[in-house]
Amino acid sequence: MTEPKNGVKTLGIKLPNELHAQFALVAQLDGLNLTDAILKAIELYVSTKKAEPDFAARAAGVLAEIEAEAASRRAAIEGLFGTAEDSTADKPAGTPTTATPKGRKTGSE
């Protein structure tokens, strides 16, 4: 996938020749270009998945994992630089404070 442009992402996919031929024919019969047919197919897939009984629970589990990872990374940064409160507590009044880095990405992302 590529970076978003105006809220849109580009997705390149590989299809077996036979499936591509069938998909192109179905799109043509419906009067759609391949891009619009793919968009409709993806919208149908997403709405079908959302209707599954356990889908919301699985999504909540992923959200909990994301939040746990964020808390772990936050703790690591605070271990390196301290919290905002720590950086101001040890300095005399009027001493400028340095900001804690935010939104910095590592090479592993």
Protein backbone atom coordinates (compact mmCIF):
# COMPACT_ATOMS: atom_id res chain seq x y z
CA MET A 1 0.00 0.00 0.00
CA THR A 2 1.08 3.54 -0.57
CA GLU A 3 0.73 6.65 1.55
CA PRO A 4 -2.68 8.36 1.46
CA LYS A 5 -3.36 11.07 -1.10
CA ASN A 6 -6.44 13.13 -0.35
CA GLY A 7 -7.81 10.39 1.91
CA VAL A 8 -7.34 7.62 -0.66
CA LYS A 9 -4.87 4.73 -0.65
CA THR A 10 -3.69 2.70 -3.60
CA LEU A 11 -3.72 -1.07 -3.26
CA GLY A 12 -2.04 -3.40 -5.73
CA ILE A 13 -3.28 -6.99 -5.83
CA LYS A 14 -2.35 -10.11 -7.77
CA LEU A 15 -5.10 -12.37 -9.06
CA PRO A 16 -4.92 -15.72 -10.79
CA ASN A 17 -5.63 -15.25 -14.51
CA GLU A 18 -8.92 -17.17 -14.43
CA LEU A 19 -10.29 -15.22 -11.46
CA HIS A 20 -9.24 -11.92 -13.08
CA ALA A 21 -11.03 -12.87 -16.31
CA GLN A 22 -14.18 -13.81 -14.40
CA PHE A 23 -14.05 -10.67 -12.29
CA ALA A 24 -13.53 -8.45 -15.34
CA LEU A 25 -16.49 -10.09 -17.08
CA VAL A 26 -18.76 -9.71 -14.06
CA ALA A 27 -17.77 -6.04 -13.72
CA GLN A 28 -18.39 -5.45 -17.43
CA LEU A 29 -21.81 -7.11 -17.24
CA ASP A 30 -22.67 -4.84 -14.31
CA GLY A 31 -21.42 -1.78 -16.21
CA LEU A 32 -18.58 -1.16 -13.77
CA ASN A 33 -14.90 -0.53 -14.30
CA LEU A 34 -12.55 -2.76 -12.31
CA THR A 35 -11.81 -0.06 -9.73
CA ASP A 36 -15.49 0.45 -8.92
CA ALA A 37 -16.10 -3.32 -8.87
CA ILE A 38 -13.19 -3.83 -6.47
CA LEU A 39 -14.48 -1.04 -4.23
CA LYS A 40 -17.94 -2.66 -4.14
CA ALA A 41 -16.41 -6.07 -3.38
CA ILE A 42 -14.37 -4.66 -0.51
CA GLU A 43 -17.37 -2.76 0.89
CA LEU A 44 -19.37 -6.01 0.80
CA TYR A 45 -16.55 -7.90 2.52
CA VAL A 46 -16.30 -5.29 5.30
CA SER A 47 -20.05 -5.15 5.90
CA THR A 48 -20.22 -8.98 5.95
CA LYS A 49 -17.39 -9.19 8.50
CA LYS A 50 -18.99 -6.49 10.69
CA ALA A 51 -22.17 -8.56 10.85
CA GLU A 52 -20.37 -11.63 12.24
CA PRO A 53 -21.33 -12.32 15.87
CA ASP A 54 -17.77 -12.40 17.25
CA PHE A 55 -16.30 -9.63 15.10
CA ALA A 56 -16.79 -6.81 17.62
CA ALA A 57 -15.19 -8.93 20.37
CA ARG A 58 -12.20 -9.69 18.15
CA ALA A 59 -11.85 -5.99 17.32
CA ALA A 60 -11.99 -5.14 21.04
CA GLY A 61 -9.19 -7.66 21.64
CA VAL A 62 -7.02 -6.01 18.99
CA LEU A 63 -7.77 -2.59 20.48
CA ALA A 64 -6.68 -3.85 23.91
CA GLU A 65 -3.41 -5.11 22.37
CA ILE A 66 -2.83 -1.73 20.71
CA GLU A 67 -3.47 0.10 23.99
CA ALA A 68 -1.13 -2.25 25.90
CA GLU A 69 1.62 -1.69 23.31
CA ALA A 70 1.09 2.08 23.50
CA ALA A 71 1.32 1.98 27.32
CA SER A 72 4.52 -0.06 27.11
CA ARG A 73 6.09 2.36 24.63
CA ARG A 74 4.94 5.35 26.73
CA ALA A 75 6.60 3.79 29.80
CA ALA A 76 9.80 3.25 27.82
CA ILE A 77 9.88 6.90 26.76
CA GLU A 78 9.15 8.05 30.30
CA GLY A 79 11.98 5.81 31.50
CA LEU A 80 14.34 7.56 29.11
CA PHE A 81 13.15 11.15 29.49
CA GLY A 82 10.91 11.19 32.56
CA THR A 83 7.38 12.49 32.64
CA ALA A 84 6.42 16.11 32.01
CA GLU A 85 5.97 16.53 35.79
CA ASP A 86 9.47 15.11 36.48
CA SER A 87 11.12 17.54 34.10
CA THR A 88 9.62 20.60 35.81
CA ALA A 89 9.83 19.45 39.47
CA ASP A 90 13.64 19.59 39.74
CA LYS A 91 14.11 22.96 38.05
CA PRO A 92 13.96 26.38 39.68
CA ALA A 93 11.00 28.60 38.83
CA GLY A 94 11.43 30.36 35.52
CA THR A 95 13.74 27.70 34.07
CA PRO A 96 12.62 26.69 30.59
CA THR A 97 11.64 23.05 30.19
CA THR A 98 12.30 20.84 27.22
CA ALA A 99 9.41 19.10 25.57
CA THR A 100 9.09 15.34 25.60
CA PRO A 101 9.38 14.01 22.01
CA LYS A 102 6.04 12.97 20.58
CA GLY A 103 5.04 11.05 17.48
CA ARG A 104 8.57 9.90 16.76
CA LYS A 105 8.73 6.66 14.81
CA THR A 106 11.39 4.03 15.03
CA GLY A 107 12.83 2.16 12.10
CA SER A 108 10.94 -1.00 13.13
CA GLU A 109 7.53 0.42 12.21
